Amino acid sequence: MANLQDRVSVLVTLDQDQRHRLEVIDKKLDQLVESSAARMESMKAQQLDFQQRLDSFEHIQRLSRSTLDELKGETDQVFGPRRVRQLKHKLNNRHKMKDLSRNTRDVPQDQATGSEVSVPNRLDALATLLVSTNVKIRALQIEVGNLTRTLRRQSHLIRSKGFESGRPDFFQTPGPHGSPAGRPLPTSCAEEPLISQFLRIQLKPQWEPFYVQCAEEWTVVLSRSSDDVSFERGWLDYRDGFGNLAGDFFIGLNKLHALTSSSLQELRIVLEDSSGTEFYAGYAPFAIGSEPELFPLSLLGRFQDDLQPNAGDSLFYHAGAKFSTLDQDNDNCVDCSCATKHKGAGWFNNCATTNLFGRYLAPNEKDAGETGMWWETLGGRNSSLKKVRWMIKPVGEGSDFLRR
């Protein structure tokens, strides 16, 4: 009898365990469906955006053609039809040529001989004058260009150090959120690329400003070069950001969402392997969602395979995935927690082809497995990287993405 009770208790325990597993599977399946729906919505939004742009381009083209036709019509009304004007111009040229030939025949022989001698001399003098004038114009253009660049640098330095109107920044009247009155703060490092490594930006007038690290025109959002800062953290740390802007840091998902939602951005990832060689991966456009959406990697555009040396595309697998941390599992793995498995955080799918938020390993540490800081198309999962930087900047007007 006791043996039968033990068997029943074991069966009950197994049944409870199976039910728990089924509940976990149902939850993961629901999350997977939501993630797929979010990715479909993102793709639909991109398609709609492209279609709207195409329609606007066609509309502008139609307006341009209409304006050109109107100008042609007005010109024809004022000066007459185009063909008539061309015929009149040809007739005037013919009359001028006849007059010149008649004048040439009427010139006396001795004057004609003198003119034949003087014409080449005049042409040589005129050619010399034109060449010297062209050289002087080029020299002036170079000088003007140098002066313009010098003035631009000086104006940037004056604005950055607050010496407008001959007064330093701490004497100026503060405007909203502490910015000098009448001088709005920049919205990205691309607006003042040569000022400083650290810049105070304000994305919108009603938003609080904050400091960022700049690498020329790029805004650095993630930097890792040592094990001084642990990246095994929870949701709140990743949401608000952590670390030191002068060392290893992550800017925070809230700020990254604000940066990528305020303007269209492109992403540049710089990876340095154990030998000290840098590799690059770029994507345009790039954006993440908000906290209510669990900060999904909502927009990851074309991989820029023209960057050299190229690190390969190891981020596309994560497109559309929600952000996961040690204490908040939002991945698409049914029976595991990818953040716990990889000892970090990230936009895990099921699970990862990169782990740049994983553990930083010193050169003498080996056998990190999938917990290290790796990029699958650059050495694989057992090759931990030496340095990592994520940088973003607004997509330029002349970029390939906008032209497409």
Protein backbone atom coordinates (compact mmCIF):
# COMPACT_ATOMS: atom_id res chain seq x y z
CA MET A 1 0.00 0.00 0.00
CA ALA A 2 2.80 2.41 0.88
CA ASN A 3 4.51 1.56 -2.40
CA LEU A 4 1.29 2.41 -4.29
CA GLN A 5 1.03 5.78 -2.50
CA ASP A 6 4.62 6.57 -3.44
CA ARG A 7 3.88 5.82 -7.07
CA VAL A 8 0.75 8.00 -6.98
CA SER A 9 2.70 10.89 -5.44
CA VAL A 10 5.38 10.52 -8.11
CA LEU A 11 2.72 10.56 -10.83
CA VAL A 12 1.12 13.66 -9.30
CA THR A 13 4.48 15.37 -9.19
CA LEU A 14 5.17 14.45 -12.82
CA ASP A 15 1.74 15.69 -13.82
CA GLN A 16 2.31 19.04 -12.09
CA ASP A 17 5.71 19.35 -13.72
CA GLN A 18 4.21 18.62 -17.15
CA ARG A 19 1.47 21.19 -16.60
CA HIS A 20 4.06 23.76 -15.60
CA ARG A 21 6.10 23.03 -18.71
CA LEU A 22 3.00 23.33 -20.89
CA GLU A 23 2.18 26.69 -19.32
CA VAL A 24 5.71 27.91 -20.01
CA ILE A 25 5.47 26.67 -23.60
CA ASP A 26 2.11 28.42 -24.07
CA LYS A 27 3.60 31.65 -22.72
CA LYS A 28 6.61 31.43 -25.02
CA LEU A 29 4.39 30.66 -28.01
CA ASP A 30 2.27 33.73 -27.25
CA GLN A 31 5.41 35.84 -27.05
CA LEU A 32 6.63 34.37 -30.34
CA VAL A 33 3.31 35.22 -32.03
CA GLU A 34 3.48 38.78 -30.67
CA SER A 35 7.07 39.17 -31.86
CA SER A 36 6.18 37.90 -35.35
CA ALA A 37 3.22 40.26 -35.48
CA ALA A 38 5.45 43.17 -34.43
CA ARG A 39 7.95 42.33 -37.15
CA MET A 40 5.18 42.13 -39.73
CA GLU A 41 3.85 45.51 -38.59
CA SER A 42 7.35 46.98 -38.86
CA MET A 43 7.74 45.61 -42.39
CA LYS A 44 4.31 46.97 -43.34
CA ALA A 45 5.24 50.37 -41.92
CA GLN A 46 8.47 50.39 -43.93
CA GLN A 47 6.62 49.38 -47.09
CA LEU A 48 4.04 52.11 -46.51
CA ASP A 49 6.79 54.66 -45.89
CA PHE A 50 8.56 53.71 -49.12
CA GLN A 51 5.31 53.91 -51.05
CA GLN A 52 4.57 57.34 -49.60
CA ARG A 53 8.02 58.55 -50.58
CA LEU A 54 7.58 57.18 -54.09
CA ASP A 55 4.21 58.92 -54.39
CA SER A 56 5.72 62.20 -53.16
CA PHE A 57 8.56 61.92 -55.69
CA GLU A 58 6.08 61.30 -58.49
CA HIS A 59 3.99 64.24 -57.32
CA ILE A 60 7.03 66.52 -57.28
CA GLN A 61 7.97 65.32 -60.76
CA ARG A 62 4.48 66.08 -62.06
CA LEU A 63 4.57 69.54 -60.47
CA SER A 64 7.97 70.23 -62.02
CA ARG A 65 6.75 69.21 -65.46
CA SER A 66 3.64 71.34 -65.06
CA THR A 67 5.69 74.34 -63.95
CA LEU A 68 8.08 73.87 -66.88
CA ASP A 69 5.17 73.70 -69.32
CA GLU A 70 3.72 76.87 -67.81
CA LEU A 71 7.04 78.68 -68.15
CA LYS A 72 7.34 77.55 -71.76
CA GLY A 73 3.83 78.81 -72.40
CA GLU A 74 4.54 82.19 -70.81
CA THR A 75 7.80 82.50 -72.77
CA ASP A 76 6.00 81.73 -76.00
CA GLN A 77 3.37 84.35 -75.18
CA VAL A 78 5.96 87.04 -74.53
CA PHE A 79 8.59 86.26 -77.20
CA GLY A 80 6.58 84.20 -79.68
CA PRO A 81 6.75 80.47 -80.52
CA ARG A 82 10.10 78.74 -80.02
CA ARG A 83 10.54 77.72 -83.68
CA VAL A 84 9.85 81.26 -84.84
CA ARG A 85 12.46 82.59 -82.40
CA GLN A 86 15.03 80.07 -83.63
CA LEU A 87 14.39 81.04 -87.27
CA LYS A 88 14.76 84.75 -86.43
CA HIS A 89 18.03 84.04 -84.64
CA LYS A 90 19.41 82.13 -87.64
CA LEU A 91 18.39 84.95 -90.02
CA ASN A 92 20.08 87.54 -87.81
CA ASN A 93 23.27 85.47 -87.81
CA ARG A 94 23.22 85.20 -91.56
CA HIS A 95 22.79 88.98 -91.94
CA LYS A 96 25.71 89.58 -89.58
CA MET A 97 27.92 87.19 -91.55
CA LYS A 98 27.00 88.95 -94.81
CA ASP A 99 27.82 92.33 -93.30
CA LEU A 100 31.20 91.08 -92.10
CA SER A 101 32.07 89.62 -95.49
CA ARG A 102 31.01 92.86 -97.21
CA ASN A 103 33.17 94.95 -94.84
CA THR A 104 36.13 92.65 -95.46
CA ARG A 105 35.84 93.07 -99.23
CA ASP A 106 35.63 96.87 -98.82
CA VAL A 107 38.87 97.16 -96.78
CA PRO A 108 41.87 98.52 -98.81
CA GLN A 109 44.74 96.10 -99.56
CA ASP A 110 47.34 97.85 -97.38
CA GLN A 111 44.96 97.95 -94.38
CA ALA A 112 44.09 94.32 -94.90
CA THR A 113 47.77 93.37 -94.83
CA GLY A 114 48.29 95.31 -91.61
CA SER A 115 45.26 93.73 -90.02
CA GLU A 116 46.45 90.23 -91.00
CA VAL A 117 49.67 90.91 -89.14
CA SER A 118 48.03 92.49 -86.08
CA VAL A 119 45.27 89.92 -85.57
CA PRO A 120 47.58 87.04 -84.50
CA ASN A 121 49.41 89.34 -82.10
CA ARG A 122 46.16 90.46 -80.56
CA LEU A 123 44.98 86.85 -80.23
CA ASP A 124 48.23 85.84 -78.49
CA ALA A 125 47.95 88.74 -76.06
CA LEU A 126 44.32 87.92 -75.36
CA ALA A 127 45.17 84.24 -74.71
CA THR A 128 47.94 85.22 -72.29
CA LEU A 129 45.57 87.54 -70.45
CA LEU A 130 42.91 84.84 -70.18
CA VAL A 131 45.41 82.27 -68.81
CA SER A 132 46.76 84.66 -66.18
CA THR A 133 43.22 85.66 -65.19
CA ASN A 134 42.22 81.99 -64.83
CA VAL A 135 45.24 81.32 -62.57
CA LYS A 136 44.40 84.31 -60.38
CA ILE A 137 40.74 83.20 -60.12
CA ARG A 138 41.78 79.69 -58.99
CA ALA A 139 44.15 81.13 -56.40
CA LEU A 140 41.38 83.38 -55.08
CA GLN A 141 38.95 80.42 -54.93
CA ILE A 142 41.44 78.38 -52.88
CA GLU A 143 42.06 81.32 -50.55
CA VAL A 144 38.32 81.92 -50.08
CA GLY A 145 37.79 78.21 -49.32
CA ASN A 146 40.55 78.24 -46.70
CA LEU A 147 39.14 81.38 -45.09
CA THR A 148 35.63 79.87 -45.03
CA ARG A 149 36.85 76.70 -43.29
CA THR A 150 38.84 78.75 -40.77
CA LEU A 151 35.82 80.93 -39.98
CA ARG A 152 33.60 77.85 -39.56
CA ARG A 153 36.06 76.26 -37.10
CA GLN A 154 36.33 79.50 -35.13
CA SER A 155 32.55 79.89 -34.94
CA HIS A 156 32.22 76.27 -33.70
CA LEU A 157 34.84 76.93 -31.02
CA ILE A 158 33.13 80.16 -29.97
CA ARG A 159 29.74 78.44 -29.64
CA SER A 160 31.18 75.47 -27.74
CA LYS A 161 33.06 77.59 -25.21
CA GLY A 162 30.30 80.14 -24.83
CA PHE A 163 32.25 83.25 -25.89
CA GLU A 164 29.51 84.77 -28.00
CA SER A 165 29.14 88.52 -27.47
CA GLY A 166 32.58 88.49 -25.79
CA ARG A 167 31.30 86.90 -22.58
CA PRO A 168 31.99 83.41 -21.22
CA ASP A 169 29.17 80.91 -20.87
CA PHE A 170 28.70 81.22 -17.09
CA PHE A 171 27.85 84.90 -17.45
CA GLN A 172 25.09 84.35 -20.00
CA THR A 173 21.43 84.31 -19.06
CA PRO A 174 20.30 80.67 -18.85
CA GLY A 175 17.47 79.60 -21.12
CA PRO A 176 15.15 76.59 -20.71
CA HIS A 177 16.82 73.61 -19.00
CA GLY A 178 19.97 75.65 -18.38
CA SER A 179 20.96 76.34 -22.01
CA PRO A 180 22.15 79.85 -22.94
CA ALA A 181 19.28 82.06 -24.05
CA GLY A 182 18.85 82.29 -27.81
CA ARG A 183 21.27 79.42 -28.56
CA PRO A 184 19.63 75.97 -28.79
CA LEU A 185 21.67 72.91 -27.94
CA PRO A 186 22.66 70.53 -30.75
CA THR A 187 20.57 67.40 -31.29
CA SER A 188 23.47 65.10 -32.22
CA CYS A 189 27.25 64.96 -32.57
CA ALA A 190 26.84 65.37 -36.35
CA GLU A 191 25.84 69.03 -35.86
CA GLU A 192 29.16 69.94 -34.17
CA PRO A 193 31.58 67.14 -35.12
CA LEU A 194 34.87 68.90 -34.24
CA ILE A 195 34.02 70.46 -30.88
CA SER A 196 34.71 67.94 -28.14
CA GLN A 197 34.64 64.26 -27.27
CA PHE A 198 31.70 64.98 -24.94
CA LEU A 199 28.70 67.03 -26.01
CA ARG A 200 25.49 68.15 -24.30
CA ILE A 201 22.56 67.56 -26.64
CA GLN A 202 18.81 68.19 -26.52
CA LEU A 203 16.62 66.24 -28.93
CA LYS A 204 13.54 68.46 -28.57
CA PRO A 205 12.97 71.80 -26.79
CA GLN A 206 10.59 70.22 -24.26
CA TRP A 207 12.97 67.32 -23.43
CA GLU A 208 15.73 67.32 -20.84
CA PRO A 209 19.27 67.62 -22.30
CA PHE A 210 21.96 65.02 -21.58
CA TYR A 211 25.63 64.40 -22.31
CA VAL A 212 26.89 61.97 -24.95
CA GLN A 213 30.28 60.79 -26.15
CA CYS A 214 31.17 61.79 -29.73
CA ALA A 215 33.49 60.16 -32.25
CA GLU A 216 33.59 62.97 -34.84
CA GLU A 217 30.05 62.98 -36.31
CA TRP A 218 28.99 59.75 -34.57
CA THR A 219 27.20 59.48 -31.21
CA VAL A 220 28.62 56.57 -29.18
CA VAL A 221 25.88 54.54 -27.45
CA LEU A 222 27.93 51.52 -26.29
CA SER A 223 31.64 51.27 -25.47
CA ARG A 224 33.51 48.29 -24.03
CA SER A 225 37.28 47.94 -23.72
CA SER A 226 37.85 46.37 -20.27
CA ASP A 227 36.16 44.46 -17.46
CA ASP A 228 35.84 47.57 -15.24
CA VAL A 229 32.05 47.65 -15.73
CA SER A 230 29.92 44.53 -15.42
CA PHE A 231 27.22 44.06 -18.05
CA GLU A 232 25.43 41.27 -16.12
CA ARG A 233 22.65 43.63 -15.01
CA GLY A 234 18.89 43.86 -14.70
CA TRP A 235 16.17 45.64 -16.63
CA LEU A 236 16.32 48.98 -14.78
CA ASP A 237 20.06 49.39 -15.37
CA TYR A 238 19.73 48.72 -19.07
CA ARG A 239 16.70 50.99 -19.30
CA ASP A 240 18.42 53.99 -17.67
CA GLY A 241 22.02 53.34 -18.72
CA PHE A 242 25.16 52.69 -16.69
CA GLY A 243 28.93 53.11 -16.68
CA ASN A 244 31.17 56.12 -17.33
CA LEU A 245 31.10 58.13 -20.56
CA ALA A 246 34.89 58.39 -20.36
CA GLY A 247 35.26 54.59 -20.15
CA ASP A 248 32.96 51.60 -20.54
CA PHE A 249 29.24 52.43 -20.64
CA PHE A 250 25.83 51.81 -22.19
CA ILE A 251 23.76 54.93 -22.87
CA GLY A 252 20.48 53.26 -21.87
CA LEU A 253 17.48 51.98 -23.82
CA ASN A 254 15.33 55.03 -23.01
CA LYS A 255 17.88 57.43 -24.50
CA LEU A 256 18.60 55.12 -27.43
CA HIS A 257 14.88 55.00 -28.21
CA ALA A 258 14.67 58.81 -27.97
CA LEU A 259 17.65 59.22 -30.32
CA THR A 260 16.34 56.78 -32.94
CA SER A 261 12.76 58.06 -32.78
CA SER A 262 13.60 61.78 -33.02
CA SER A 263 15.36 61.36 -36.40
CA LEU A 264 16.24 58.60 -38.85
CA GLN A 265 19.55 57.03 -37.74
CA GLU A 266 22.15 54.64 -39.11
CA LEU A 267 24.20 52.23 -36.97
CA ARG A 268 27.95 51.61 -37.13
CA ILE A 269 29.48 48.79 -35.02
CA VAL A 270 33.27 48.75 -34.51
CA LEU A 271 34.76 45.42 -33.36
CA GLU A 272 38.40 44.86 -32.39
CA ASP A 273 39.68 41.29 -32.20
CA SER A 274 42.42 39.93 -29.94
CA SER A 275 45.13 40.93 -32.46
CA GLY A 276 44.07 44.61 -32.37
CA THR A 277 42.52 44.68 -35.85
CA GLU A 278 39.29 46.67 -36.24
CA PHE A 279 36.32 45.39 -38.24
CA TYR A 280 33.10 47.17 -39.14
CA ALA A 281 29.39 46.40 -39.50
CA GLY A 282 26.86 49.02 -40.57
CA TYR A 283 23.07 49.17 -40.93
CA ALA A 284 20.78 51.91 -42.25
CA PRO A 285 18.22 52.71 -41.00
CA PHE A 286 18.25 51.65 -37.33
CA ALA A 287 15.70 52.16 -34.52
CA ILE A 288 14.38 50.52 -31.36
CA GLY A 289 10.89 50.68 -29.82
CA SER A 290 9.73 52.06 -26.47
CA GLU A 291 9.57 50.45 -23.03
CA PRO A 292 5.85 49.48 -23.27
CA GLU A 293 6.87 47.50 -26.37
CA LEU A 294 9.84 46.01 -24.40
CA PHE A 295 12.38 48.01 -26.49
CA PRO A 296 12.25 45.80 -29.61
CA LEU A 297 14.86 46.05 -32.37
CA SER A 298 12.07 47.39 -34.56
CA LEU A 299 14.06 48.72 -37.53
CA LEU A 300 17.27 47.19 -38.88
CA GLY A 301 17.91 48.21 -42.47
CA ARG A 302 20.30 47.10 -45.18
CA PHE A 303 23.67 45.68 -44.12
CA GLN A 304 26.48 47.87 -45.47
CA ASP A 305 28.78 45.28 -47.03
CA ASP A 306 31.00 47.99 -48.58
CA LEU A 307 32.65 48.79 -45.21
CA GLN A 308 36.17 47.42 -45.02
CA PRO A 309 37.45 45.42 -43.27
CA ASN A 310 33.97 43.95 -42.93
CA ALA A 311 32.86 42.01 -39.84
CA GLY A 312 29.94 40.29 -41.55
CA ASP A 313 26.24 40.45 -40.66
CA SER A 314 25.54 38.81 -37.29
CA LEU A 315 22.71 41.13 -36.18
CA PHE A 316 20.01 40.44 -38.78
CA TYR A 317 18.88 37.31 -36.89
CA HIS A 318 17.92 39.58 -33.95
CA ALA A 319 15.74 42.01 -35.99
CA GLY A 320 12.31 42.44 -34.41
CA ALA A 321 13.28 40.72 -31.14
CA LYS A 322 12.47 42.29 -27.75
CA PHE A 323 15.18 43.21 -25.27
CA SER A 324 15.91 40.67 -22.51
CA THR A 325 17.88 40.91 -19.27
CA LEU A 326 18.70 38.55 -16.41
CA ASP A 327 15.49 39.50 -14.59
CA GLN A 328 13.18 39.96 -17.59
CA ASP A 329 12.96 37.14 -20.13
CA ASN A 330 11.42 38.42 -23.39
CA ASP A 331 13.20 36.12 -25.84
CA ASN A 332 11.71 33.54 -28.22
CA CYS A 333 13.35 30.51 -26.60
CA VAL A 334 10.55 28.25 -25.36
CA ASP A 335 12.39 26.36 -22.62
CA CYS A 336 15.31 28.64 -21.70
CA SER A 337 16.36 32.18 -20.73
CA CYS A 338 18.85 33.45 -23.29
CA ALA A 339 20.10 36.26 -21.02
CA THR A 340 20.96 33.74 -18.29
CA LYS A 341 22.48 31.35 -20.80
CA HIS A 342 24.77 34.04 -22.26
CA LYS A 343 25.34 35.93 -18.96
CA GLY A 344 24.33 39.32 -20.34
CA ALA A 345 21.49 41.01 -22.14
CA GLY A 346 20.35 41.80 -25.67
CA TRP A 347 17.75 41.40 -28.37
CA PHE A 348 17.68 37.61 -28.13
CA ASN A 349 15.66 35.56 -30.56
CA ASN A 350 16.22 31.80 -30.03
CA CYS A 351 18.91 32.57 -28.87
CA ALA A 352 21.74 34.58 -30.53
CA THR A 353 24.25 35.06 -33.34
CA THR A 354 26.06 37.77 -31.36
CA ASN A 355 26.57 38.52 -27.67
CA LEU A 356 28.14 41.99 -27.40
CA PHE A 357 26.51 42.58 -23.97
CA GLY A 358 28.10 39.40 -22.59
CA ARG A 359 31.09 38.95 -20.27
CA TYR A 360 34.34 40.77 -21.02
CA LEU A 361 37.23 38.31 -20.90
CA ALA A 362 40.83 39.25 -20.16
CA PRO A 363 43.45 37.99 -22.66
CA ASN A 364 44.51 35.20 -20.28
CA GLU A 365 40.93 33.90 -19.84
CA LYS A 366 39.91 31.01 -22.09
CA ASP A 367 36.95 28.72 -22.75
CA ALA A 368 34.27 31.40 -22.38
CA GLY A 369 31.92 29.53 -24.65
CA GLU A 370 28.74 31.44 -25.44
CA THR A 371 29.04 33.77 -22.42
CA GLY A 372 31.84 35.91 -23.87
CA MET A 373 31.67 39.01 -26.05
CA TRP A 374 31.50 37.59 -29.59
CA TRP A 375 30.24 38.19 -33.14
CA GLU A 376 29.48 34.96 -34.98
CA THR A 377 30.75 36.04 -38.43
CA LEU A 378 34.01 37.27 -36.87
CA GLY A 379 35.78 34.36 -35.25
CA GLY A 380 32.72 32.54 -33.93
CA ARG A 381 31.38 32.05 -30.41
CA ASN A 382 34.64 31.00 -28.77
CA SER A 383 36.56 34.07 -29.96
CA SER A 384 35.96 36.86 -27.44
CA LEU A 385 36.49 40.41 -28.70
CA LYS A 386 38.89 42.98 -27.25
CA LYS A 387 36.87 46.16 -27.88
CA VAL A 388 33.32 46.99 -29.00
CA ARG A 389 31.65 50.29 -29.91
CA TRP A 390 28.14 51.01 -31.15
CA MET A 391 27.71 54.43 -32.81
CA ILE A 392 24.77 56.14 -34.50
CA LYS A 393 24.31 59.29 -36.57
CA PRO A 394 21.39 60.83 -38.50
CA VAL A 395 21.00 59.48 -42.03
CA GLY A 396 22.39 62.11 -44.43
CA GLU A 397 20.39 63.56 -47.31
CA GLY A 398 22.76 62.06 -49.87
CA SER A 399 22.89 58.57 -48.38
CA ASP A 400 22.17 55.46 -50.45
CA PHE A 401 19.20 54.60 -48.20
CA LEU A 402 17.38 57.88 -48.95
CA ARG A 403 18.22 57.66 -52.64
CA ARG A 404 16.55 54.24 -52.71
